[in-house]
Amino acid sequence: MIELEISTLVVPIASAVMSAVLAACGTYVAISNRLSVLETKMDGLSTKVEKHNSVVERTYKLETDAATAWKRHDELAERVERLEDMKIGGTQ
């Protein structure tokens, strides 16, 4: 039977465990740093989206106001046309 000393098994196992722990810690630190960068970028993008949405809302309001103004313009133009027709029809 093969005789093994404890030290021949402990050293490689301890080395492997230490390597795994250090790799896990390094991965955790890298992920944490990346998450903080992503959160910063997300905050910046959220601000840009809010500004964009504000512009879209104001543009919509302007477009509806312009449509209302043109509708009112058309109504007044028709009214003026009818008044002119009545004036022309009344003088002849």
Foldseek 3Di string as FASTA:
>chain_A
DDDDDPVVVVVVVVVVVVVVVVVVVVVVVVVVVVVVVVVVVVVVVVVVVVVVVVVVVVVVVVVVVVVVVVVVVVVVVVVVVVVVVVVVVVVD
